[in-house]
Amino acid sequence: MRASEGGASSAEIRARVEEARALQRARGYYNAHIPVRLLRRLCRLDEAGERTLEMAVRRLGLSARAHDRILKVARTIADLASEQSVTAKHLAEAIQYRTLDRDYWS
């Protein structure tokens, strides 16, 4: 907020969100509503992503529900970046949001 350089404009952000929602509609589900049975197929992870998520589950003691929510948030982050696959980078960001949320509400 204090940076001298401006970030993305509201119009640019809106366009990214609209593109991400179009991707989700084309998949048949908005990310928040992906059924658990389709989650692994729609949120495929490479080896680095699998390791990142596994480590987070172990270290943070996450439940299966939290695991699935992190995958959905990571899928959304990838969609906003217009990327086909969910990477370790997307997972790390989603995990960070989860830990911030957990720290704030506890």
PDB file of N, CA and C in Angstrom:
ATOM      1  N   MET A   1       0.813  -1.185   0.000  1.00  0.00           N
ATOM      2  CA  MET A   1       0.000   0.000   0.000  1.00  0.00           C
ATOM      3  C   MET A   1       0.864   1.259   0.000  1.00  0.00           C
ATOM      4  N   ARG A   2       2.052   1.157   0.551  1.00  0.00           N
ATOM      5  CA  ARG A   2       2.917   2.323   0.628  1.00  0.00           C
ATOM      6  C   ARG A   2       3.894   2.398  -0.531  1.00  0.00           C
ATOM      7  N   ALA A   3       3.878   1.407  -1.398  1.00  0.00           N
ATOM      8  CA  ALA A   3       4.811   1.397  -2.519  1.00  0.00           C
ATOM      9  C   ALA A   3       4.529   2.562  -3.452  1.00  0.00           C
ATOM     10  N   SER A   4       5.602   3.102  -4.029  1.00  0.00           N
ATOM     11  CA  SER A   4       5.430   4.228  -4.948  1.00  0.00           C
ATOM     12  C   SER A   4       4.848   3.765  -6.284  1.00  0.00           C
ATOM     13  N   GLU A   5       5.113   2.518  -6.636  1.00  0.00           N
ATOM     14  CA  GLU A   5       4.564   1.980  -7.887  1.00  0.00           C
ATOM     15  C   GLU A   5       3.160   1.461  -7.638  1.00  0.00           C
ATOM     16  N   GLY A   6       2.277   1.750  -8.547  1.00  0.00           N
ATOM     17  CA  GLY A   6       0.915   1.281  -8.418  1.00  0.00           C
ATOM     18  C   GLY A   6       0.815  -0.202  -8.784  1.00  0.00           C
ATOM     19  N   GLY A   7      -0.121  -0.884  -8.192  1.00  0.00           N
ATOM     20  CA  GLY A   7      -0.372  -2.278  -8.522  1.00  0.00           C
ATOM     21  C   GLY A   7      -1.325  -2.354  -9.696  1.00  0.00           C
ATOM     22  N   ALA A   8      -1.945  -3.493  -9.819  1.00  0.00           N
ATOM     23  CA  ALA A   8      -2.915  -3.684 -10.891  1.00  0.00           C
ATOM     24  C   ALA A   8      -4.147  -2.821 -10.619  1.00  0.00           C
ATOM     25  N   SER A   9      -4.741  -2.333 -11.676  1.00  0.00           N
ATOM     26  CA  SER A   9      -5.953  -1.524 -11.533  1.00  0.00           C
ATOM     27  C   SER A   9      -7.139  -2.434 -11.230  1.00  0.00           C
ATOM     28  N   SER A  10      -8.202  -1.848 -10.751  1.00  0.00           N
ATOM     29  CA  SER A  10      -9.423  -2.608 -10.473  1.00  0.00           C
ATOM     30  C   SER A  10      -9.932  -3.294 -11.731  1.00  0.00           C
ATOM     31  N   ALA A  11      -9.826  -2.620 -12.859  1.00  0.00           N
ATOM     32  CA  ALA A  11     -10.287  -3.194 -14.128  1.00  0.00           C
ATOM     33  C   ALA A  11      -9.451  -4.420 -14.503  1.00  0.00           C
ATOM     34  N   GLU A  12      -8.137  -4.345 -14.279  1.00  0.00           N
ATOM     35  CA  GLU A  12      -7.264  -5.481 -14.583  1.00  0.00           C
ATOM     36  C   GLU A  12      -7.578  -6.668 -13.675  1.00  0.00           C
ATOM     37  N   ILE A  13      -7.797  -6.391 -12.410  1.00  0.00           N
ATOM     38  CA  ILE A  13      -8.121  -7.454 -11.469  1.00  0.00           C
ATOM     39  C   ILE A  13      -9.466  -8.076 -11.820  1.00  0.00           C
ATOM     40  N   ARG A  14     -10.424  -7.241 -12.144  1.00  0.00           N
ATOM     41  CA  ARG A  14     -11.746  -7.741 -12.535  1.00  0.00           C
ATOM     42  C   ARG A  14     -11.646  -8.660 -13.756  1.00  0.00           C
ATOM     43  N   ALA A  15     -10.844  -8.273 -14.731  1.00  0.00           N
ATOM     44  CA  ALA A  15     -10.666  -9.093 -15.937  1.00  0.00           C
ATOM     45  C   ALA A  15     -10.056 -10.455 -15.580  1.00  0.00           C
ATOM     46  N   ARG A  16      -9.059 -10.455 -14.696  1.00  0.00           N
ATOM     47  CA  ARG A  16      -8.444 -11.724 -14.275  1.00  0.00           C
ATOM     48  C   ARG A  16      -9.457 -12.621 -13.575  1.00  0.00           C
ATOM     49  N   VAL A  17     -10.279 -12.024 -12.714  1.00  0.00           N
ATOM     50  CA  VAL A  17     -11.296 -12.800 -11.989  1.00  0.00           C
ATOM     51  C   VAL A  17     -12.323 -13.356 -12.974  1.00  0.00           C
ATOM     52  N   GLU A  18     -12.750 -12.550 -13.930  1.00  0.00           N
ATOM     53  CA  GLU A  18     -13.722 -13.020 -14.916  1.00  0.00           C
ATOM     54  C   GLU A  18     -13.147 -14.157 -15.754  1.00  0.00           C
ATOM     55  N   GLU A  19     -11.873 -14.063 -16.132  1.00  0.00           N
ATOM     56  CA  GLU A  19     -11.224 -15.148 -16.878  1.00  0.00           C
ATOM     57  C   GLU A  19     -11.152 -16.419 -16.044  1.00  0.00           C
ATOM     58  N   ALA A  20     -10.803 -16.283 -14.769  1.00  0.00           N
ATOM     59  CA  ALA A  20     -10.715 -17.441 -13.884  1.00  0.00           C
ATOM     60  C   ALA A  20     -12.088 -18.097 -13.722  1.00  0.00           C
ATOM     61  N   ARG A  21     -13.112 -17.299 -13.571  1.00  0.00           N
ATOM     62  CA  ARG A  21     -14.459 -17.865 -13.425  1.00  0.00           C
ATOM     63  C   ARG A  21     -14.908 -18.550 -14.718  1.00  0.00           C
ATOM     64  N   ALA A  22     -14.518 -18.015 -15.854  1.00  0.00           N
ATOM     65  CA  ALA A  22     -14.845 -18.658 -17.135  1.00  0.00           C
ATOM     66  C   ALA A  22     -14.160 -20.024 -17.233  1.00  0.00           C
ATOM     67  N   LEU A  23     -12.911 -20.107 -16.796  1.00  0.00           N
ATOM     68  CA  LEU A  23     -12.211 -21.398 -16.777  1.00  0.00           C
ATOM     69  C   LEU A  23     -12.951 -22.396 -15.892  1.00  0.00           C
ATOM     70  N   GLN A  24     -13.382 -21.924 -14.742  1.00  0.00           N
ATOM     71  CA  GLN A  24     -14.083 -22.800 -13.805  1.00  0.00           C
ATOM     72  C   GLN A  24     -15.423 -23.267 -14.377  1.00  0.00           C
ATOM     73  N   ARG A  25     -16.156 -22.348 -15.015  1.00  0.00           N
ATOM     74  CA  ARG A  25     -17.431 -22.739 -15.643  1.00  0.00           C
ATOM     75  C   ARG A  25     -17.186 -23.790 -16.717  1.00  0.00           C
ATOM     76  N   ALA A  26     -16.115 -23.609 -17.503  1.00  0.00           N
ATOM     77  CA  ALA A  26     -15.793 -24.566 -18.568  1.00  0.00           C
ATOM     78  C   ALA A  26     -15.473 -25.942 -17.988  1.00  0.00           C
ATOM     79  N   ARG A  27     -14.891 -25.979 -16.783  1.00  0.00           N
ATOM     80  CA  ARG A  27     -14.599 -27.250 -16.107  1.00  0.00           C
ATOM     81  C   ARG A  27     -15.866 -27.894 -15.560  1.00  0.00           C
ATOM     82  N   GLY A  28     -16.911 -27.093 -15.405  1.00  0.00           N
ATOM     83  CA  GLY A  28     -18.181 -27.629 -14.917  1.00  0.00           C
ATOM     84  C   GLY A  28     -18.459 -27.321 -13.460  1.00  0.00           C
ATOM     85  N   TYR A  29     -17.490 -26.768 -12.753  1.00  0.00           N
ATOM     86  CA  TYR A  29     -17.666 -26.455 -11.339  1.00  0.00           C
ATOM     87  C   TYR A  29     -16.864 -25.217 -10.993  1.00  0.00           C
ATOM     88  N   TYR A  30     -17.450 -24.361 -10.150  1.00  0.00           N
ATOM     89  CA  TYR A  30     -16.629 -23.343  -9.521  1.00  0.00           C
ATOM     90  C   TYR A  30     -15.772 -24.082  -8.501  1.00  0.00           C
ATOM     91  N   ASN A  31     -14.568 -23.622  -8.279  1.00  0.00           N
ATOM     92  CA  ASN A  31     -13.615 -24.364  -7.466  1.00  0.00           C
ATOM     93  C   ASN A  31     -14.123 -24.696  -6.075  1.00  0.00           C
ATOM     94  N   ALA A  32     -14.854 -23.808  -5.460  1.00  0.00           N
ATOM     95  CA  ALA A  32     -15.380 -24.064  -4.115  1.00  0.00           C
ATOM     96  C   ALA A  32     -16.357 -25.237  -4.090  1.00  0.00           C
ATOM     97  N   HIS A  33     -16.918 -25.577  -5.249  1.00  0.00           N
ATOM     98  CA  HIS A  33     -17.948 -26.611  -5.322  1.00  0.00           C
ATOM     99  C   HIS A  33     -17.471 -27.896  -5.998  1.00  0.00           C
ATOM    100  N   ILE A  34     -16.175 -28.036  -6.201  1.00  0.00           N
ATOM    101  CA  ILE A  34     -15.664 -29.264  -6.825  1.00  0.00           C
ATOM    102  C   ILE A  34     -15.948 -30.429  -5.887  1.00  0.00           C
ATOM    103  N   PRO A  35     -16.643 -31.459  -6.372  1.00  0.00           N
ATOM    104  CA  PRO A  35     -16.895 -32.634  -5.524  1.00  0.00           C
ATOM    105  C   PRO A  35     -15.573 -33.334  -5.178  1.00  0.00           C
ATOM    106  N   VAL A  36     -15.516 -33.888  -3.988  1.00  0.00           N
ATOM    107  CA  VAL A  36     -14.300 -34.558  -3.521  1.00  0.00           C
ATOM    108  C   VAL A  36     -13.868 -35.637  -4.513  1.00  0.00           C
ATOM    109  N   ARG A  37     -14.812 -36.341  -5.107  1.00  0.00           N
ATOM    110  CA  ARG A  37     -14.470 -37.426  -6.033  1.00  0.00           C
ATOM    111  C   ARG A  37     -13.748 -36.922  -7.281  1.00  0.00           C
ATOM    112  N   LEU A  38     -13.886 -35.637  -7.617  1.00  0.00           N
ATOM    113  CA  LEU A  38     -13.224 -35.063  -8.796  1.00  0.00           C
ATOM    114  C   LEU A  38     -12.019 -34.194  -8.454  1.00  0.00           C
ATOM    115  N   LEU A  39     -11.805 -33.984  -7.175  1.00  0.00           N
ATOM    116  CA  LEU A  39     -10.783 -33.032  -6.743  1.00  0.00           C
ATOM    117  C   LEU A  39      -9.390 -33.384  -7.251  1.00  0.00           C
ATOM    118  N   ARG A  40      -8.967 -34.622  -7.128  1.00  0.00           N
ATOM    119  CA  ARG A  40      -7.624 -35.016  -7.581  1.00  0.00           C
ATOM    120  C   ARG A  40      -7.460 -34.859  -9.086  1.00  0.00           C
ATOM    121  N   ARG A  41      -8.521 -35.113  -9.838  1.00  0.00           N
ATOM    122  CA  ARG A  41      -8.432 -34.993 -11.295  1.00  0.00           C
ATOM    123  C   ARG A  41      -8.360 -33.530 -11.732  1.00  0.00           C
ATOM    124  N   LEU A  42      -9.137 -32.674 -11.072  1.00  0.00           N
ATOM    125  CA  LEU A  42      -9.172 -31.266 -11.463  1.00  0.00           C
ATOM    126  C   LEU A  42      -8.042 -30.450 -10.841  1.00  0.00           C
ATOM    127  N   CYS A  43      -7.393 -31.011  -9.834  1.00  0.00           N
ATOM    128  CA  CYS A  43      -6.294 -30.312  -9.150  1.00  0.00           C
ATOM    129  C   CYS A  43      -5.054 -31.201  -9.145  1.00  0.00           C
ATOM    130  N   ARG A  44      -4.687 -31.696 -10.305  1.00  0.00           N
ATOM    131  CA  ARG A  44      -3.511 -32.573 -10.411  1.00  0.00           C
ATOM    132  C   ARG A  44      -2.262 -31.848  -9.939  1.00  0.00           C
ATOM    133  N   LEU A  45      -1.442 -32.606  -9.200  1.00  0.00           N
ATOM    134  CA  LEU A  45      -0.199 -32.046  -8.678  1.00  0.00           C
ATOM    135  C   LEU A  45       0.990 -32.791  -9.250  1.00  0.00           C
ATOM    136  N   ASP A  46       2.065 -32.067  -9.472  1.00  0.00           N
ATOM    137  CA  ASP A  46       3.302 -32.731  -9.850  1.00  0.00           C
ATOM    138  C   ASP A  46       3.971 -33.235  -8.566  1.00  0.00           C
ATOM    139  N   GLU A  47       5.138 -33.831  -8.707  1.00  0.00           N
ATOM    140  CA  GLU A  47       5.813 -34.418  -7.546  1.00  0.00           C
ATOM    141  C   GLU A  47       6.119 -33.366  -6.480  1.00  0.00           C
ATOM    142  N   ALA A  48       6.590 -32.197  -6.899  1.00  0.00           N
ATOM    143  CA  ALA A  48       6.903 -31.129  -5.943  1.00  0.00           C
ATOM    144  C   ALA A  48       5.647 -30.671  -5.207  1.00  0.00           C
ATOM    145  N   GLY A  49       4.547 -30.584  -5.922  1.00  0.00           N
ATOM    146  CA  GLY A  49       3.284 -30.199  -5.302  1.00  0.00           C
ATOM    147  C   GLY A  49       2.813 -31.225  -4.293  1.00  0.00           C
ATOM    148  N   GLU A  50       2.928 -32.499  -4.646  1.00  0.00           N
ATOM    149  CA  GLU A  50       2.549 -33.575  -3.719  1.00  0.00           C
ATOM    150  C   GLU A  50       3.375 -33.484  -2.437  1.00  0.00           C
ATOM    151  N   ARG A  51       4.687 -33.280  -2.586  1.00  0.00           N
ATOM    152  CA  ARG A  51       5.572 -33.176  -1.411  1.00  0.00           C
ATOM    153  C   ARG A  51       5.210 -31.965  -0.560  1.00  0.00           C
ATOM    154  N   THR A  52       4.935 -30.847  -1.199  1.00  0.00           N
ATOM    155  CA  THR A  52       4.578 -29.624  -0.468  1.00  0.00           C
ATOM    156  C   THR A  52       3.318 -29.834   0.345  1.00  0.00           C
ATOM    157  N   LEU A  53       2.299 -30.398  -0.275  1.00  0.00           N
ATOM    158  CA  LEU A  53       1.033 -30.608   0.421  1.00  0.00           C
ATOM    159  C   LEU A  53       1.178 -31.645   1.523  1.00  0.00           C
ATOM    160  N   GLU A  54       1.898 -32.722   1.244  1.00  0.00           N
ATOM    161  CA  GLU A  54       2.109 -33.766   2.257  1.00  0.00           C
ATOM    162  C   GLU A  54       2.833 -33.198   3.477  1.00  0.00           C
ATOM    163  N   MET A  55       3.863 -32.384   3.244  1.00  0.00           N
ATOM    164  CA  MET A  55       4.615 -31.786   4.334  1.00  0.00           C
ATOM    165  C   MET A  55       3.715 -30.858   5.165  1.00  0.00           C
ATOM    166  N   ALA A  56       2.887 -30.086   4.508  1.00  0.00           N
ATOM    167  CA  ALA A  56       1.983 -29.177   5.220  1.00  0.00           C
ATOM    168  C   ALA A  56       0.988 -29.950   6.071  1.00  0.00           C
ATOM    169  N   VAL A  57       0.458 -31.024   5.528  1.00  0.00           N
ATOM    170  CA  VAL A  57      -0.509 -31.832   6.278  1.00  0.00           C
ATOM    171  C   VAL A  57       0.154 -32.397   7.531  1.00  0.00           C
ATOM    172  N   ARG A  58       1.360 -32.912   7.376  1.00  0.00           N
ATOM    173  CA  ARG A  58       2.067 -33.487   8.532  1.00  0.00           C
ATOM    174  C   ARG A  58       2.454 -32.422   9.549  1.00  0.00           C
ATOM    175  N   ARG A  59       3.089 -31.359   9.104  1.00  0.00           N
ATOM    176  CA  ARG A  59       3.600 -30.343  10.034  1.00  0.00           C
ATOM    177  C   ARG A  59       2.511 -29.527  10.712  1.00  0.00           C
ATOM    178  N   LEU A  60       1.450 -29.254   9.988  1.00  0.00           N
ATOM    179  CA  LEU A  60       0.377 -28.421  10.534  1.00  0.00           C
ATOM    180  C   LEU A  60      -0.767 -29.241  11.115  1.00  0.00           C
ATOM    181  N   GLY A  61      -0.704 -30.561  10.940  1.00  0.00           N
ATOM    182  CA  GLY A  61      -1.756 -31.426  11.474  1.00  0.00           C
ATOM    183  C   GLY A  61      -3.104 -31.142  10.842  1.00  0.00           C
ATOM    184  N   LEU A  62      -3.106 -30.969   9.521  1.00  0.00           N
ATOM    185  CA  LEU A  62      -4.337 -30.618   8.820  1.00  0.00           C
ATOM    186  C   LEU A  62      -5.260 -31.815   8.663  1.00  0.00           C
ATOM    187  N   SER A  63      -6.537 -31.548   8.718  1.00  0.00           N
ATOM    188  CA  SER A  63      -7.553 -32.587   8.504  1.00  0.00           C
ATOM    189  C   SER A  63      -7.724 -32.838   7.003  1.00  0.00           C
ATOM    190  N   ALA A  64      -8.472 -33.878   6.679  1.00  0.00           N
ATOM    191  CA  ALA A  64      -8.768 -34.177   5.277  1.00  0.00           C
ATOM    192  C   ALA A  64      -9.565 -33.024   4.657  1.00  0.00           C
ATOM    193  N   ARG A  65     -10.437 -32.442   5.433  1.00  0.00           N
ATOM    194  CA  ARG A  65     -11.230 -31.304   4.942  1.00  0.00           C
ATOM    195  C   ARG A  65     -10.322 -30.112   4.624  1.00  0.00           C
ATOM    196  N   ALA A  66      -9.370 -29.826   5.509  1.00  0.00           N
ATOM    197  CA  ALA A  66      -8.421 -28.730   5.280  1.00  0.00           C
ATOM    198  C   ALA A  66      -7.561 -29.018   4.046  1.00  0.00           C
ATOM    199  N   HIS A  67      -7.152 -30.257   3.883  1.00  0.00           N
ATOM    200  CA  HIS A  67      -6.381 -30.688   2.706  1.00  0.00           C
ATOM    201  C   HIS A  67      -7.147 -30.342   1.434  1.00  0.00           C
ATOM    202  N   ASP A  68      -8.421 -30.717   1.402  1.00  0.00           N
ATOM    203  CA  ASP A  68      -9.244 -30.467   0.218  1.00  0.00           C
ATOM    204  C   ASP A  68      -9.458 -28.978  -0.025  1.00  0.00           C
ATOM    205  N   ARG A  69      -9.645 -28.223   1.026  1.00  0.00           N
ATOM    206  CA  ARG A  69      -9.844 -26.774   0.878  1.00  0.00           C
ATOM    207  C   ARG A  69      -8.587 -26.108   0.339  1.00  0.00           C
ATOM    208  N   ILE A  70      -7.427 -26.561   0.806  1.00  0.00           N
ATOM    209  CA  ILE A  70      -6.163 -26.008   0.301  1.00  0.00           C
ATOM    210  C   ILE A  70      -6.031 -26.299  -1.188  1.00  0.00           C
ATOM    211  N   LEU A  71      -6.390 -27.512  -1.608  1.00  0.00           N
ATOM    212  CA  LEU A  71      -6.338 -27.840  -3.034  1.00  0.00           C
ATOM    213  C   LEU A  71      -7.242 -26.915  -3.843  1.00  0.00           C
ATOM    214  N   LYS A  72      -8.433 -26.656  -3.341  1.00  0.00           N
ATOM    215  CA  LYS A  72      -9.373 -25.790  -4.057  1.00  0.00           C
ATOM    216  C   LYS A  72      -8.867 -24.355  -4.142  1.00  0.00           C
ATOM    217  N   VAL A  73      -8.293 -23.853  -3.069  1.00  0.00           N
ATOM    218  CA  VAL A  73      -7.745 -22.495  -3.077  1.00  0.00           C
ATOM    219  C   VAL A  73      -6.548 -22.430  -4.030  1.00  0.00           C
ATOM    220  N   ALA A  74      -5.696 -23.457  -3.999  1.00  0.00           N
ATOM    221  CA  ALA A  74      -4.539 -23.498  -4.899  1.00  0.00           C
ATOM    222  C   ALA A  74      -5.001 -23.538  -6.361  1.00  0.00           C
ATOM    223  N   ARG A  75      -6.074 -24.273  -6.640  1.00  0.00           N
ATOM    224  CA  ARG A  75      -6.629 -24.325  -7.999  1.00  0.00           C
ATOM    225  C   ARG A  75      -7.075 -22.927  -8.421  1.00  0.00           C
ATOM    226  N   THR A  76      -7.697 -22.179  -7.497  1.00  0.00           N
ATOM    227  CA  THR A  76      -8.145 -20.824  -7.795  1.00  0.00           C
ATOM    228  C   THR A  76      -6.957 -19.905  -8.055  1.00  0.00           C
ATOM    229  N   ILE A  77      -5.908 -20.027  -7.255  1.00  0.00           N
ATOM    230  CA  ILE A  77      -4.705 -19.216  -7.451  1.00  0.00           C
ATOM    231  C   ILE A  77      -4.113 -19.502  -8.833  1.00  0.00           C
ATOM    232  N   ALA A  78      -4.066 -20.774  -9.219  1.00  0.00           N
ATOM    233  CA  ALA A  78      -3.568 -21.142 -10.557  1.00  0.00           C
ATOM    234  C   ALA A  78      -4.465 -20.560 -11.644  1.00  0.00           C
ATOM    235  N   ASP A  79      -5.772 -20.608 -11.441  1.00  0.00           N
ATOM    236  CA  ASP A  79      -6.708 -20.042 -12.422  1.00  0.00           C
ATOM    237  C   ASP A  79      -6.496 -18.539 -12.582  1.00  0.00           C
ATOM    238  N   LEU A  80      -6.285 -17.840 -11.482  1.00  0.00           N
ATOM    239  CA  LEU A  80      -6.062 -16.395 -11.547  1.00  0.00           C
ATOM    240  C   LEU A  80      -4.771 -16.054 -12.279  1.00  0.00           C
ATOM    241  N   ALA A  81      -3.826 -16.987 -12.250  1.00  0.00           N
ATOM    242  CA  ALA A  81      -2.563 -16.800 -12.971  1.00  0.00           C
ATOM    243  C   ALA A  81      -2.648 -17.356 -14.392  1.00  0.00           C
ATOM    244  N   SER A  82      -3.822 -17.833 -14.781  1.00  0.00           N
ATOM    245  CA  SER A  82      -4.057 -18.444 -16.104  1.00  0.00           C
ATOM    246  C   SER A  82      -3.124 -19.621 -16.361  1.00  0.00           C
ATOM    247  N   GLU A  83      -2.890 -20.424 -15.333  1.00  0.00           N
ATOM    248  CA  GLU A  83      -2.027 -21.592 -15.461  1.00  0.00           C
ATOM    249  C   GLU A  83      -2.869 -22.858 -15.415  1.00  0.00           C
ATOM    250  N   GLN A  84      -2.524 -23.810 -16.278  1.00  0.00           N
ATOM    251  CA  GLN A  84      -3.278 -25.058 -16.411  1.00  0.00           C
ATOM    252  C   GLN A  84      -3.174 -25.947 -15.178  1.00  0.00           C
ATOM    253  N   SER A  85      -1.968 -26.064 -14.642  1.00  0.00           N
ATOM    254  CA  SER A  85      -1.784 -26.996 -13.532  1.00  0.00           C
ATOM    255  C   SER A  85      -1.506 -26.263 -12.234  1.00  0.00           C
ATOM    256  N   VAL A  86      -1.801 -26.955 -11.143  1.00  0.00           N
ATOM    257  CA  VAL A  86      -1.532 -26.445  -9.807  1.00  0.00           C
ATOM    258  C   VAL A  86      -0.094 -26.833  -9.473  1.00  0.00           C
ATOM    259  N   THR A  87       0.711 -25.842  -9.103  1.00  0.00           N
ATOM    260  CA  THR A  87       2.114 -26.099  -8.805  1.00  0.00           C
ATOM    261  C   THR A  87       2.381 -25.948  -7.304  1.00  0.00           C
ATOM    262  N   ALA A  88       3.597 -26.287  -6.916  1.00  0.00           N
ATOM    263  CA  ALA A  88       4.004 -26.134  -5.517  1.00  0.00           C
ATOM    264  C   ALA A  88       3.879 -24.672  -5.084  1.00  0.00           C
ATOM    265  N   LYS A  89       4.133 -23.748  -5.997  1.00  0.00           N
ATOM    266  CA  LYS A  89       4.016 -22.309  -5.708  1.00  0.00           C
ATOM    267  C   LYS A  89       2.579 -21.954  -5.329  1.00  0.00           C
ATOM    268  N   HIS A  90       1.615 -22.480  -6.067  1.00  0.00           N
ATOM    269  CA  HIS A  90       0.206 -22.207  -5.777  1.00  0.00           C
ATOM    270  C   HIS A  90      -0.187 -22.825  -4.435  1.00  0.00           C
ATOM    271  N   LEU A  91       0.301 -24.037  -4.192  1.00  0.00           N
ATOM    272  CA  LEU A  91       0.003 -24.700  -2.924  1.00  0.00           C
ATOM    273  C   LEU A  91       0.599 -23.936  -1.745  1.00  0.00           C
ATOM    274  N   ALA A  92       1.834 -23.475  -1.897  1.00  0.00           N
ATOM    275  CA  ALA A  92       2.480 -22.735  -0.810  1.00  0.00           C
ATOM    276  C   ALA A  92       1.672 -21.479  -0.471  1.00  0.00           C
ATOM    277  N   GLU A  93       1.177 -20.797  -1.486  1.00  0.00           N
ATOM    278  CA  GLU A  93       0.370 -19.602  -1.230  1.00  0.00           C
ATOM    279  C   GLU A  93      -0.933 -19.969  -0.524  1.00  0.00           C
ATOM    280  N   ALA A  94      -1.588 -21.039  -0.968  1.00  0.00           N
ATOM    281  CA  ALA A  94      -2.837 -21.484  -0.341  1.00  0.00           C
ATOM    282  C   ALA A  94      -2.597 -21.907   1.109  1.00  0.00           C
ATOM    283  N   ILE A  95      -1.497 -22.596   1.351  1.00  0.00           N
ATOM    284  CA  ILE A  95      -1.157 -23.026   2.716  1.00  0.00           C
ATOM    285  C   ILE A  95      -0.901 -21.808   3.590  1.00  0.00           C
ATOM    286  N   GLN A  96      -0.237 -20.815   3.037  1.00  0.00           N
ATOM    287  CA  GLN A  96       0.033 -19.591   3.786  1.00  0.00           C
ATOM    288  C   GLN A  96      -1.282 -18.920   4.195  1.00  0.00           C
ATOM    289  N   TYR A  97      -2.246 -18.865   3.285  1.00  0.00           N
ATOM    290  CA  TYR A  97      -3.542 -18.287   3.628  1.00  0.00           C
ATOM    291  C   TYR A  97      -4.202 -19.088   4.739  1.00  0.00           C
ATOM    292  N   ARG A  98      -4.078 -20.395   4.662  1.00  0.00           N
ATOM    293  CA  ARG A  98      -4.673 -21.272   5.682  1.00  0.00           C
ATOM    294  C   ARG A  98      -4.045 -21.014   7.053  1.00  0.00           C
ATOM    295  N   THR A  99      -2.733 -20.897   7.102  1.00  0.00           N
ATOM    296  CA  THR A  99      -2.074 -20.674   8.382  1.00  0.00           C
ATOM    297  C   THR A  99      -2.376 -19.279   8.913  1.00  0.00           C
ATOM    298  N   LEU A 100      -2.476 -18.291   8.034  1.00  0.00           N
ATOM    299  CA  LEU A 100      -2.869 -16.944   8.487  1.00  0.00           C
ATOM    300  C   LEU A 100      -4.263 -16.974   9.094  1.00  0.00           C
ATOM    301  N   ASP A 101      -5.180 -17.662   8.423  1.00  0.00           N
ATOM    302  CA  ASP A 101      -6.545 -17.781   8.893  1.00  0.00           C
ATOM    303  C   ASP A 101      -6.582 -18.499  10.240  1.00  0.00           C
ATOM    304  N   ARG A 102      -5.829 -19.564  10.329  1.00  0.00           N
ATOM    305  CA  ARG A 102      -5.783 -20.367  11.562  1.00  0.00           C
ATOM    306  C   ARG A 102      -5.217 -19.532  12.721  1.00  0.00           C
ATOM    307  N   ASP A 103      -4.145 -18.789  12.475  1.00  0.00           N
ATOM    308  CA  ASP A 103      -3.527 -17.963  13.507  1.00  0.00           C
ATOM    309  C   ASP A 103      -4.463 -16.828  13.930  1.00  0.00           C
ATOM    310  N   TYR A 104      -5.155 -16.248  12.983  1.00  0.00           N
ATOM    311  CA  TYR A 104      -6.038 -15.119  13.291  1.00  0.00           C
ATOM    312  C   TYR A 104      -7.230 -15.534  14.146  1.00  0.00           C
ATOM    313  N   TRP A 105      -7.837 -16.662  13.806  1.00  0.00           N
ATOM    314  CA  TRP A 105      -9.081 -17.067  14.482  1.00  0.00           C
ATOM    315  C   TRP A 105      -8.855 -17.889  15.729  1.00  0.00           C
ATOM    316  N   SER A 106      -7.627 -18.301  16.015  1.00  0.00           N
ATOM    317  CA  SER A 106      -7.431 -19.123  17.221  1.00  0.00           C
ATOM    318  C   SER A 106      -7.006 -18.316  18.409  1.00  0.00           C
TER     319      SER A 106
END
